[in-house]
């Protein structure tokens, strides 16, 4: 491999000649060979958007020469619009807690691309310097949290919330489709009184609506950006009008209304908003586990399980048992949710690590929160497409289980013959116990006791009235 020599404040460094990064990026590669986890693309894009916006704002304020600013903007556009140079951001998530190396990675890449646009020598830092020009009026301490908030808000808005909506719509359709199918309810994993399958699915949809609202509400705090705080929140070395101009540009580019009215000391030192968003995604994960588990258990069998639902058969389920089909989409979604819960635990610990004027776990937080958004989005899309849409009700099995249920007896405790209740609680309980002991249905025991006529038994055990 061919190398060029670049330098920083610590001396000279060999940089591969085919790379657009510089000395500080190369040092980071050597010092932080920890994992295979790099910053997610949405974060890198948000970081480059921030650099682009700052270049334009600094040009308009006379802080940056037009030709240099224009070259930086053009370099940013090559990354953002054409997808070029996205492979030039190789740094490990596990680095300095401020993300300084990744900020400098962006500065160096944009600097070298701009230099090449202007016909200069890559690595020379002339005429575009990574610190003096690309990083003008900025610090890693305000740029990295800005990119974190922007990328999270963009991903939540464009991907996660629409995926929740699609899943809600699918559940609503199933709720309507199943609205007249009366099944036995279950509490404590035991027989309970009837409900409709549609009502059960309406509960799933409502859970997701609550989760969606929680995510929307918590995300609102991401609109306040740290940009302009520079090193500790005071804004030293930044033009006082630069943040508002740059944030306006970011808002126009993303279509999301970001603001510069937050307390920058809090935005640099605390990550409470991200912790809140992560917590709301954890709540979504918990709801998804409930939904996925209920659907896979209701579809268990097909002959010796509950068998009330027929799940789509997507692929063979066993390497040894011919014809076996497993609830793989539900199992996938539960694993996704478990990872999101784990990510939230790490993010919570990350939020704790704010010492004095700076939080020191931003790279890990960024990686985890964006992974949670990504896998929740893709997991829900897959589950909706490959499981929910094709779900069918096994009405024959459902009807059989309803008739066998002992808890139909509950309706007897309010059934009146004139002003008399022939089966108060204790007497009704005796009917249920006898039915269980003799392996009979509630209807059969009532017929044998002769207290109620066949018509009265049918009236007392009217399933439609039980689920209204």
Protein backbone atom coordinates (compact mmCIF):
# COMPACT_ATOMS: atom_id res chain seq x y z
CA UNK A 1 0.00 0.00 0.00
CA UNK A 2 1.16 3.49 -0.82
CA UNK A 3 1.16 6.14 1.90
CA UNK A 4 1.32 9.88 2.16
CA UNK A 5 2.66 11.76 5.15
CA UNK A 6 0.23 13.94 7.07
CA UNK A 7 0.80 15.78 10.31
CA UNK A 8 -1.12 17.04 13.30
CA UNK A 9 -0.11 18.71 16.56
CA UNK A 10 1.57 15.47 17.69
CA UNK A 11 3.73 14.98 14.62
CA UNK A 12 3.73 13.06 11.35
CA UNK A 13 1.54 10.08 10.51
CA UNK A 14 1.45 7.72 7.54
CA UNK A 15 -1.98 7.76 5.90
CA UNK A 16 -2.94 5.37 3.07
CA UNK A 17 -2.77 7.41 -0.10
CA UNK A 18 -6.15 6.14 -1.32
CA UNK A 19 -7.99 7.43 1.77
CA UNK A 20 -9.53 10.85 2.25
CA UNK A 21 -9.08 11.01 6.01
CA UNK A 22 -6.09 12.57 7.72
CA UNK A 23 -3.66 12.22 10.59
CA UNK A 24 -6.08 12.29 13.51
CA UNK A 25 -8.35 9.71 11.93
CA UNK A 26 -5.37 7.47 11.31
CA UNK A 27 -4.23 7.79 14.91
CA UNK A 28 -7.70 6.83 16.07
CA UNK A 29 -7.66 3.72 13.87
CA UNK A 30 -4.42 2.69 15.53
CA UNK A 31 -5.47 3.54 19.08
CA UNK A 32 -9.07 2.27 19.09
CA UNK A 33 -9.12 -1.12 17.41
CA UNK A 34 -11.88 -2.34 19.71
CA UNK A 35 -14.80 -3.70 17.73
CA UNK A 36 -16.35 -3.87 14.28
CA UNK A 37 -18.95 -1.27 15.22
CA UNK A 38 -18.69 2.02 13.39
CA UNK A 39 -21.02 4.99 13.48
CA UNK A 40 -24.31 4.25 11.68
CA UNK A 41 -24.79 5.95 8.33
CA UNK A 42 -27.67 8.15 9.58
CA UNK A 43 -25.32 9.64 12.17
CA UNK A 44 -22.58 10.30 9.60
CA UNK A 45 -25.09 11.94 7.30
CA UNK A 46 -26.35 14.16 10.12
CA UNK A 47 -22.77 15.08 11.00
CA UNK A 48 -22.02 16.07 7.40
CA UNK A 49 -25.30 18.02 7.21
CA UNK A 50 -24.17 19.93 10.29
CA UNK A 51 -20.76 20.71 8.75
CA UNK A 52 -22.43 21.83 5.53
CA UNK A 53 -24.84 24.12 7.40
CA UNK A 54 -22.02 25.66 9.45
CA UNK A 55 -19.99 26.34 6.32
CA UNK A 56 -22.91 28.20 4.72
CA UNK A 57 -23.67 30.12 7.91
CA UNK A 58 -20.02 31.12 8.38
CA UNK A 59 -19.82 32.28 4.77
CA UNK A 60 -22.94 34.44 5.16
CA UNK A 61 -21.49 35.94 8.35
CA UNK A 62 -18.13 36.69 6.76
CA UNK A 63 -16.37 34.12 8.93
CA UNK A 64 -15.31 31.94 5.99
CA UNK A 65 -14.15 32.90 2.52
CA UNK A 66 -16.74 32.09 -0.13
CA UNK A 67 -14.51 29.84 -2.24
CA UNK A 68 -13.53 27.76 0.77
CA UNK A 69 -17.09 27.52 2.09
CA UNK A 70 -18.42 26.60 -1.33
CA UNK A 71 -15.83 23.83 -1.66
CA UNK A 72 -16.80 22.44 1.76
CA UNK A 73 -20.47 22.53 0.79
CA UNK A 74 -19.73 20.80 -2.51
CA UNK A 75 -17.72 18.15 -0.68
CA UNK A 76 -20.63 17.60 1.69
CA UNK A 77 -23.06 17.27 -1.20
CA UNK A 78 -20.94 14.54 -2.77
CA UNK A 79 -21.44 12.54 0.42
CA UNK A 80 -25.06 13.43 1.09
CA UNK A 81 -26.53 13.45 -2.42
CA UNK A 82 -24.32 11.03 -4.30
CA UNK A 83 -23.33 8.70 -1.48
CA UNK A 84 -19.64 9.09 -2.25
CA UNK A 85 -16.98 8.73 0.44
CA UNK A 86 -19.31 7.10 2.98
CA UNK A 87 -16.62 4.43 3.35
CA UNK A 88 -14.23 7.09 4.65
CA UNK A 89 -15.70 7.03 8.15
CA UNK A 90 -14.15 3.87 9.63
CA UNK A 91 -13.73 4.79 13.29
CA UNK A 92 -14.77 2.52 16.10
CA UNK A 93 -17.70 3.46 18.32
CA UNK A 94 -15.56 2.74 21.37
CA UNK A 95 -13.34 5.82 21.37
CA UNK A 96 -13.21 9.04 23.33
CA UNK A 97 -16.53 9.73 25.03
CA UNK A 98 -16.97 13.08 23.28
CA UNK A 99 -16.64 11.61 19.79
CA UNK A 100 -13.75 13.96 19.03
CA UNK A 101 -12.06 11.48 16.71
CA UNK A 102 -15.18 11.15 14.60
CA UNK A 103 -15.66 14.91 14.45
CA UNK A 104 -12.09 15.21 13.21
CA UNK A 105 -12.67 12.33 10.80
CA UNK A 106 -15.47 14.41 9.24
CA UNK A 107 -13.34 17.56 9.27
CA UNK A 108 -10.42 15.79 7.57
CA UNK A 109 -12.52 14.04 4.94
CA UNK A 110 -14.38 17.21 4.01
CA UNK A 111 -11.12 19.15 4.02
CA UNK A 112 -9.40 16.74 1.65
CA UNK A 113 -12.38 16.48 -0.69
CA UNK A 114 -12.60 20.28 -0.77
CA UNK A 115 -8.88 20.52 -1.41
CA UNK A 116 -9.21 18.15 -4.37
CA UNK A 117 -12.14 20.20 -5.70
CA UNK A 118 -9.98 23.32 -5.55
CA UNK A 119 -7.06 21.56 -7.23
CA UNK A 120 -4.82 21.37 -4.17
CA UNK A 121 -2.78 18.52 -2.75
CA UNK A 122 -4.70 16.08 -0.56
CA UNK A 123 -3.29 16.02 2.95
CA UNK A 124 -1.71 19.45 2.71
CA UNK A 125 -4.51 21.19 4.64
CA UNK A 126 -4.28 23.93 2.03
CA UNK A 127 -6.31 25.84 1.09
CA UNK A 128 -8.96 24.15 3.30
CA UNK A 129 -7.87 23.33 6.83
CA UNK A 130 -9.89 20.73 8.80
CA UNK A 131 -9.83 22.75 12.03
CA UNK A 132 -9.61 26.35 10.90
CA UNK A 133 -12.20 26.09 8.13
CA UNK A 134 -14.36 22.94 8.27
CA UNK A 135 -14.61 23.12 12.07
CA UNK A 136 -14.97 26.91 12.21
CA UNK A 137 -17.13 28.02 15.13
CA UNK A 138 -17.61 24.45 16.30
CA UNK A 139 -16.36 21.89 18.81
CA UNK A 140 -16.77 18.14 18.97
CA UNK A 141 -18.68 18.85 22.16
CA UNK A 142 -21.54 20.60 20.38
CA UNK A 143 -21.32 19.06 16.90
CA UNK A 144 -21.51 15.41 18.02
CA UNK A 145 -24.65 15.90 20.18
CA UNK A 146 -26.16 17.93 17.35
CA UNK A 147 -25.58 15.06 14.92
CA UNK A 148 -26.96 12.66 17.52
CA UNK A 149 -30.21 14.60 17.94
CA UNK A 150 -30.63 15.28 14.22
CA UNK A 151 -30.02 11.67 13.16
CA UNK A 152 -32.30 10.30 15.88
CA UNK A 153 -35.11 12.72 15.06
CA UNK A 154 -34.81 12.05 11.33
CA UNK A 155 -34.86 8.28 11.79
CA UNK A 156 -37.76 8.38 14.25
CA UNK A 157 -39.78 10.65 11.96
CA UNK A 158 -39.04 9.05 8.61
CA UNK A 159 -38.80 5.39 9.56
CA UNK A 160 -39.90 4.33 13.04
CA UNK A 161 -43.23 6.17 13.34
CA UNK A 162 -44.37 5.11 9.82
CA UNK A 163 -43.48 1.49 10.64
CA UNK A 164 -45.63 1.69 13.77
CA UNK A 165 -48.47 3.14 11.71
CA UNK A 166 -48.27 0.28 9.21
CA UNK A 167 -48.41 -2.30 11.99
CA UNK A 168 -51.34 -0.51 13.66
CA UNK A 169 -53.22 -0.50 10.35
CA UNK A 170 -52.64 -4.25 9.94
CA UNK A 171 -53.86 -4.91 13.49
CA UNK A 172 -56.92 -2.71 12.93
CA UNK A 173 -57.77 -4.69 9.80
CA UNK A 174 -57.48 -7.95 11.71
CA UNK A 175 -59.57 -6.54 14.53
CA UNK A 176 -62.33 -5.74 12.04
CA UNK A 177 -61.94 -9.10 10.28
CA UNK A 178 -62.18 -11.01 13.57
CA UNK A 179 -64.84 -8.85 15.25
CA UNK A 180 -67.57 -11.54 15.20
CA UNK A 181 -65.37 -14.47 16.23
CA UNK A 182 -66.08 -15.23 19.89
CA UNK A 183 -63.28 -17.02 21.70
CA UNK A 184 -62.40 -17.85 25.25
CA UNK A 185 -60.37 -15.27 27.14
CA UNK A 186 -57.47 -16.26 29.34
CA UNK A 187 -56.13 -14.74 32.55
CA UNK A 188 -53.27 -16.19 34.60
CA UNK A 189 -52.88 -18.66 31.68
CA UNK A 190 -56.22 -20.14 32.77
CA UNK A 191 -59.68 -20.14 31.21
CA UNK A 192 -61.57 -16.86 31.60
CA UNK A 193 -64.78 -15.39 30.23
CA UNK A 194 -65.23 -14.95 26.47
CA UNK A 195 -64.14 -12.06 24.32
CA UNK A 196 -63.90 -11.67 20.58
CA UNK A 197 -60.73 -12.25 18.64
CA UNK A 198 -61.28 -8.78 17.23
CA UNK A 199 -61.30 -7.28 20.72
CA UNK A 200 -58.04 -9.05 21.48
CA UNK A 201 -56.42 -7.54 18.38
CA UNK A 202 -57.88 -4.12 19.15
CA UNK A 203 -55.90 -4.27 22.39
CA UNK A 204 -52.71 -4.89 20.45
CA UNK A 205 -53.38 -1.89 18.19
CA UNK A 206 -54.13 0.34 21.17
CA UNK A 207 -50.87 -0.65 22.85
CA UNK A 208 -48.98 0.49 19.77
CA UNK A 209 -50.89 3.77 19.60
CA UNK A 210 -49.83 4.56 23.15
CA UNK A 211 -46.22 3.65 22.33
CA UNK A 212 -46.28 5.84 19.24
CA UNK A 213 -47.55 8.81 21.21
CA UNK A 214 -44.88 8.30 23.86
CA UNK A 215 -42.17 8.25 21.20
CA UNK A 216 -43.57 11.38 19.54
CA UNK A 217 -43.78 13.23 22.84
CA UNK A 218 -40.28 12.31 24.01
CA UNK A 219 -38.78 13.11 20.59
CA UNK A 220 -39.97 16.70 20.78
CA UNK A 221 -37.04 17.50 23.07
CA UNK A 222 -34.62 16.48 20.32
CA UNK A 223 -35.53 19.63 18.42
CA UNK A 224 -33.29 21.72 20.68
CA UNK A 225 -29.76 21.44 19.30
CA UNK A 226 -26.48 22.00 21.10
CA UNK A 227 -24.83 23.66 18.11
CA UNK A 228 -23.21 26.94 19.13
CA UNK A 229 -22.18 25.82 22.59
CA UNK A 230 -18.69 24.90 21.32
CA UNK A 231 -16.48 23.50 24.09
CA UNK A 232 -18.40 23.99 27.36
CA UNK A 233 -21.63 25.77 26.40
CA UNK A 234 -20.45 29.39 26.30
CA UNK A 235 -20.08 29.52 22.51
CA UNK A 236 -16.44 30.65 22.61
CA UNK A 237 -14.96 31.10 19.09
CA UNK A 238 -18.36 30.87 17.36
CA UNK A 239 -20.09 33.85 15.77
CA UNK A 240 -23.20 34.53 17.91
CA UNK A 241 -25.48 34.30 14.86
CA UNK A 242 -23.91 31.16 13.41
CA UNK A 243 -25.95 28.58 15.39
CA UNK A 244 -29.35 30.01 14.50
CA UNK A 245 -28.41 30.28 10.81
CA UNK A 246 -26.97 26.77 10.67
CA UNK A 247 -29.90 25.23 12.54
CA UNK A 248 -32.33 26.92 10.16
CA UNK A 249 -30.43 25.36 7.25
CA UNK A 250 -30.53 21.93 8.90
CA UNK A 251 -34.27 22.32 9.45
CA UNK A 252 -34.88 23.22 5.83
CA UNK A 253 -32.79 20.31 4.59
CA UNK A 254 -34.40 17.69 6.82
CA UNK A 255 -37.94 19.06 6.86
CA UNK A 256 -37.87 18.92 10.66
CA UNK A 257 -38.12 22.05 12.79
CA UNK A 258 -35.00 22.17 14.95
CA UNK A 259 -34.37 25.06 17.35
CA UNK A 260 -31.49 26.88 19.03
CA UNK A 261 -33.41 27.95 22.15
CA UNK A 262 -32.17 25.21 24.48
CA UNK A 263 -29.76 25.61 27.36
CA UNK A 264 -26.45 24.63 25.81
CA UNK A 265 -24.87 23.67 29.10
CA UNK A 266 -27.59 21.09 29.59
CA UNK A 267 -27.40 19.95 25.97
CA UNK A 268 -23.65 19.37 26.15
CA UNK A 269 -23.52 17.80 29.59
CA UNK A 270 -26.81 15.87 29.68
CA UNK A 271 -28.41 13.36 27.34
CA UNK A 272 -31.78 13.27 29.08
CA UNK A 273 -33.77 13.67 25.84
CA UNK A 274 -32.08 10.67 24.24
CA UNK A 275 -32.57 8.63 27.41
CA UNK A 276 -36.28 9.51 27.26
CA UNK A 277 -36.58 8.54 23.59
CA UNK A 278 -34.77 5.28 24.27
CA UNK A 279 -37.09 4.64 27.19
CA UNK A 280 -40.14 5.13 24.98
CA UNK A 281 -38.66 2.70 22.46
CA UNK A 282 -38.14 0.24 25.30
CA UNK A 283 -41.85 0.55 26.05
CA UNK A 284 -42.54 -0.21 22.40
CA UNK A 285 -40.27 -3.25 22.64
CA UNK A 286 -42.19 -4.47 25.70
CA UNK A 287 -45.49 -4.08 23.84
CA UNK A 288 -44.11 -5.93 20.81
CA UNK A 289 -43.01 -8.83 23.00
CA UNK A 290 -46.55 -9.06 24.38
CA UNK A 291 -48.09 -8.98 20.91
CA UNK A 292 -45.62 -11.39 19.32
CA UNK A 293 -45.84 -13.87 22.19
CA UNK A 294 -49.65 -13.83 22.26
CA UNK A 295 -49.81 -14.44 18.51
CA UNK A 296 -47.30 -17.29 18.57
CA UNK A 297 -48.99 -18.97 21.54
CA UNK A 298 -52.44 -18.56 19.99
CA UNK A 299 -50.97 -20.14 16.87
CA UNK A 300 -49.24 -22.97 18.73
CA UNK A 301 -49.88 -26.50 17.55
CA UNK A 302 -51.18 -26.96 14.98
CA UNK A 303 -52.93 -29.86 16.74
CA UNK A 304 -51.72 -30.09 20.33
CA UNK A 305 -51.36 -26.39 21.15
CA UNK A 306 -53.95 -23.63 21.44
CA UNK A 307 -54.34 -23.53 17.68
CA UNK A 308 -56.74 -20.59 17.57
CA UNK A 309 -54.69 -18.78 14.93
CA UNK A 310 -53.19 -20.13 11.74
CA UNK A 311 -49.84 -18.42 11.14
CA UNK A 312 -48.37 -18.07 7.66
CA UNK A 313 -45.93 -20.86 6.80
CA UNK A 314 -42.86 -18.99 5.60
CA UNK A 315 -40.13 -21.63 5.72
CA UNK A 316 -39.39 -25.15 7.05
CA UNK A 317 -39.06 -25.14 10.82
CA UNK A 318 -36.87 -28.13 11.56
CA UNK A 319 -33.80 -29.86 10.22
CA UNK A 320 -35.04 -33.20 11.57
CA UNK A 321 -38.85 -33.05 11.80
CA UNK A 322 -40.41 -33.07 8.30
CA UNK A 323 -43.29 -30.68 7.76
CA UNK A 324 -42.73 -28.70 10.95
CA UNK A 325 -43.43 -24.98 10.71
CA UNK A 326 -42.39 -22.52 13.43
CA UNK A 327 -43.58 -18.99 14.40
CA UNK A 328 -40.32 -17.51 13.17
CA UNK A 329 -41.49 -13.94 12.68
CA UNK A 330 -42.71 -13.77 16.27
CA UNK A 331 -39.41 -15.20 17.50
CA UNK A 332 -37.53 -12.64 15.43
CA UNK A 333 -39.54 -9.75 16.85
CA UNK A 334 -39.04 -10.90 20.43
CA UNK A 335 -35.27 -11.01 19.85
CA UNK A 336 -35.32 -7.53 18.33
CA UNK A 337 -37.25 -6.26 21.34
CA UNK A 338 -34.80 -7.90 23.74
CA UNK A 339 -31.89 -6.16 22.01
CA UNK A 340 -33.69 -2.81 22.23
CA UNK A 341 -34.22 -3.33 25.97
CA UNK A 342 -30.50 -4.10 26.31
CA UNK A 343 -29.61 -1.03 24.26
CA UNK A 344 -31.77 1.08 26.54
CA UNK A 345 -29.90 -0.18 29.59
CA UNK A 346 -26.61 0.88 28.00
CA UNK A 347 -28.07 4.24 26.95
CA UNK A 348 -29.32 4.83 30.48
CA UNK A 349 -25.82 4.23 31.83
CA UNK A 350 -24.50 6.49 29.10
CA UNK A 351 -26.83 9.27 30.17
CA UNK A 352 -25.47 9.02 33.69
CA UNK A 353 -21.92 9.75 32.49
CA UNK A 354 -22.27 13.53 32.30
CA UNK A 355 -19.45 15.04 34.32
CA UNK A 356 -19.44 18.80 34.78
CA UNK A 357 -19.79 20.32 31.29
CA UNK A 358 -19.68 17.20 29.09
CA UNK A 359 -21.29 13.81 28.64
CA UNK A 360 -18.65 11.17 27.96
CA UNK A 361 -20.53 8.29 26.33
CA UNK A 362 -21.99 9.89 23.23
CA UNK A 363 -20.58 7.45 20.63
CA UNK A 364 -22.04 4.43 22.41
CA UNK A 365 -25.34 6.24 22.93
CA UNK A 366 -25.51 7.16 19.24
CA UNK A 367 -24.77 3.63 18.12
CA UNK A 368 -27.35 2.06 20.41
CA UNK A 369 -30.20 4.49 19.89
CA UNK A 370 -29.86 4.35 16.10
CA UNK A 371 -29.59 0.56 16.16
CA UNK A 372 -32.79 0.40 18.22
CA UNK A 373 -34.62 2.59 15.71
CA UNK A 374 -33.31 0.54 12.80
CA UNK A 375 -34.10 -2.94 14.10
CA UNK A 376 -37.49 -1.88 15.50
CA UNK A 377 -38.40 -0.40 12.13
CA UNK A 378 -37.27 -3.39 10.11
CA UNK A 379 -38.56 -5.90 12.64
CA UNK A 380 -42.07 -4.43 12.65
CA UNK A 381 -42.09 -4.18 8.86
CA UNK A 382 -41.11 -7.83 8.53
CA UNK A 383 -43.57 -9.03 11.19
CA UNK A 384 -46.41 -7.09 9.58
CA UNK A 385 -45.63 -8.30 6.07
CA UNK A 386 -44.74 -11.90 6.83
CA UNK A 387 -47.05 -12.67 9.76
CA UNK A 388 -49.86 -10.22 10.55
CA UNK A 389 -51.24 -9.77 7.04
CA UNK A 390 -51.56 -13.51 6.47
CA UNK A 391 -52.97 -14.46 9.89
CA UNK A 392 -56.14 -16.56 9.84
CA UNK A 393 -58.57 -17.55 12.56
CA UNK A 394 -59.13 -21.26 13.18
CA UNK A 395 -62.84 -20.89 13.93
CA UNK A 396 -63.47 -24.60 14.34
CA UNK A 397 -60.86 -24.80 17.09
CA UNK A 398 -62.02 -21.54 18.68
CA UNK A 399 -65.64 -22.71 18.85
CA UNK A 400 -64.61 -26.01 20.40
CA UNK A 401 -62.54 -24.35 23.11
CA UNK A 402 -65.30 -21.89 23.96
CA UNK A 403 -67.79 -24.70 24.46
CA UNK A 404 -65.32 -26.58 26.67
CA UNK A 405 -64.53 -23.59 28.87
CA UNK A 406 -65.56 -23.80 32.50
CA UNK A 407 -65.68 -20.04 32.93
CA UNK A 408 -68.89 -19.72 30.94
CA UNK A 409 -70.38 -20.41 34.33
CA UNK A 410 -69.61 -16.78 35.26
CA UNK A 411 -72.68 -15.62 33.32
CA UNK A 412 -74.92 -17.66 35.66
CA UNK A 413 -74.06 -15.47 38.66
CA UNK A 414 -76.12 -12.58 37.23
CA UNK A 415 -78.76 -14.55 35.34
CA UNK A 416 -82.23 -13.92 36.74
CA UNK A 417 -85.40 -15.99 36.64
CA UNK A 418 -87.85 -13.30 37.65
CA UNK A 419 -86.40 -11.79 40.83
CA UNK A 420 -84.32 -14.88 41.62
CA UNK A 421 -80.76 -15.81 40.68
CA UNK A 422 -80.79 -19.63 40.55
CA UNK A 423 -76.99 -19.89 40.46
CA UNK A 424 -75.27 -17.47 42.83
CA UNK A 425 -71.49 -17.54 43.07
CA UNK A 426 -71.03 -20.62 45.30
CA UNK A 427 -73.60 -22.70 43.46
CA UNK A 428 -72.13 -21.69 40.10
CA UNK A 429 -68.67 -22.65 41.37
CA UNK A 430 -70.02 -26.10 42.23
CA UNK A 431 -71.28 -26.45 38.64
CA UNK A 432 -67.83 -25.59 37.32
CA UNK A 433 -66.10 -28.03 39.65
CA UNK A 434 -68.48 -30.84 38.70
CA UNK A 435 -68.02 -30.14 35.00
CA UNK A 436 -64.25 -30.30 35.40
CA UNK A 437 -64.34 -33.47 37.53
CA UNK A 438 -66.71 -35.30 35.19
CA UNK A 439 -65.13 -33.94 31.99
CA UNK A 440 -68.38 -32.32 30.89
CA UNK A 441 -69.29 -28.91 29.58
CA UNK A 442 -71.13 -26.32 31.67
CA UNK A 443 -74.09 -26.74 29.35
CA UNK A 444 -74.19 -30.52 29.92
CA UNK A 445 -74.12 -30.17 33.72
CA UNK A 446 -76.89 -27.57 33.66
CA UNK A 447 -79.04 -29.82 31.50
CA UNK A 448 -78.55 -32.68 33.93
CA UNK A 449 -79.43 -30.55 36.96
CA UNK A 450 -82.71 -29.47 35.40
CA UNK A 451 -82.90 -26.15 37.23
CA UNK A 452 -83.02 -24.27 33.94
CA UNK A 453 -84.90 -25.19 30.79
CA UNK A 454 -82.91 -25.71 27.57
CA UNK A 455 -84.12 -22.29 26.42
CA UNK A 456 -82.99 -20.66 29.68
CA UNK A 457 -79.61 -22.38 29.47
CA UNK A 458 -79.13 -21.01 25.95
CA UNK A 459 -80.21 -17.58 27.15
CA UNK A 460 -77.90 -17.69 30.20
CA UNK A 461 -74.94 -18.84 28.11
CA UNK A 462 -75.53 -16.35 25.28
CA UNK A 463 -71.98 -15.68 24.07
CA UNK A 464 -72.81 -12.47 22.24
CA UNK A 465 -74.18 -10.90 25.39
CA UNK A 466 -71.02 -11.91 27.27
CA UNK A 467 -68.72 -9.99 24.89
CA UNK A 468 -70.79 -6.82 24.42
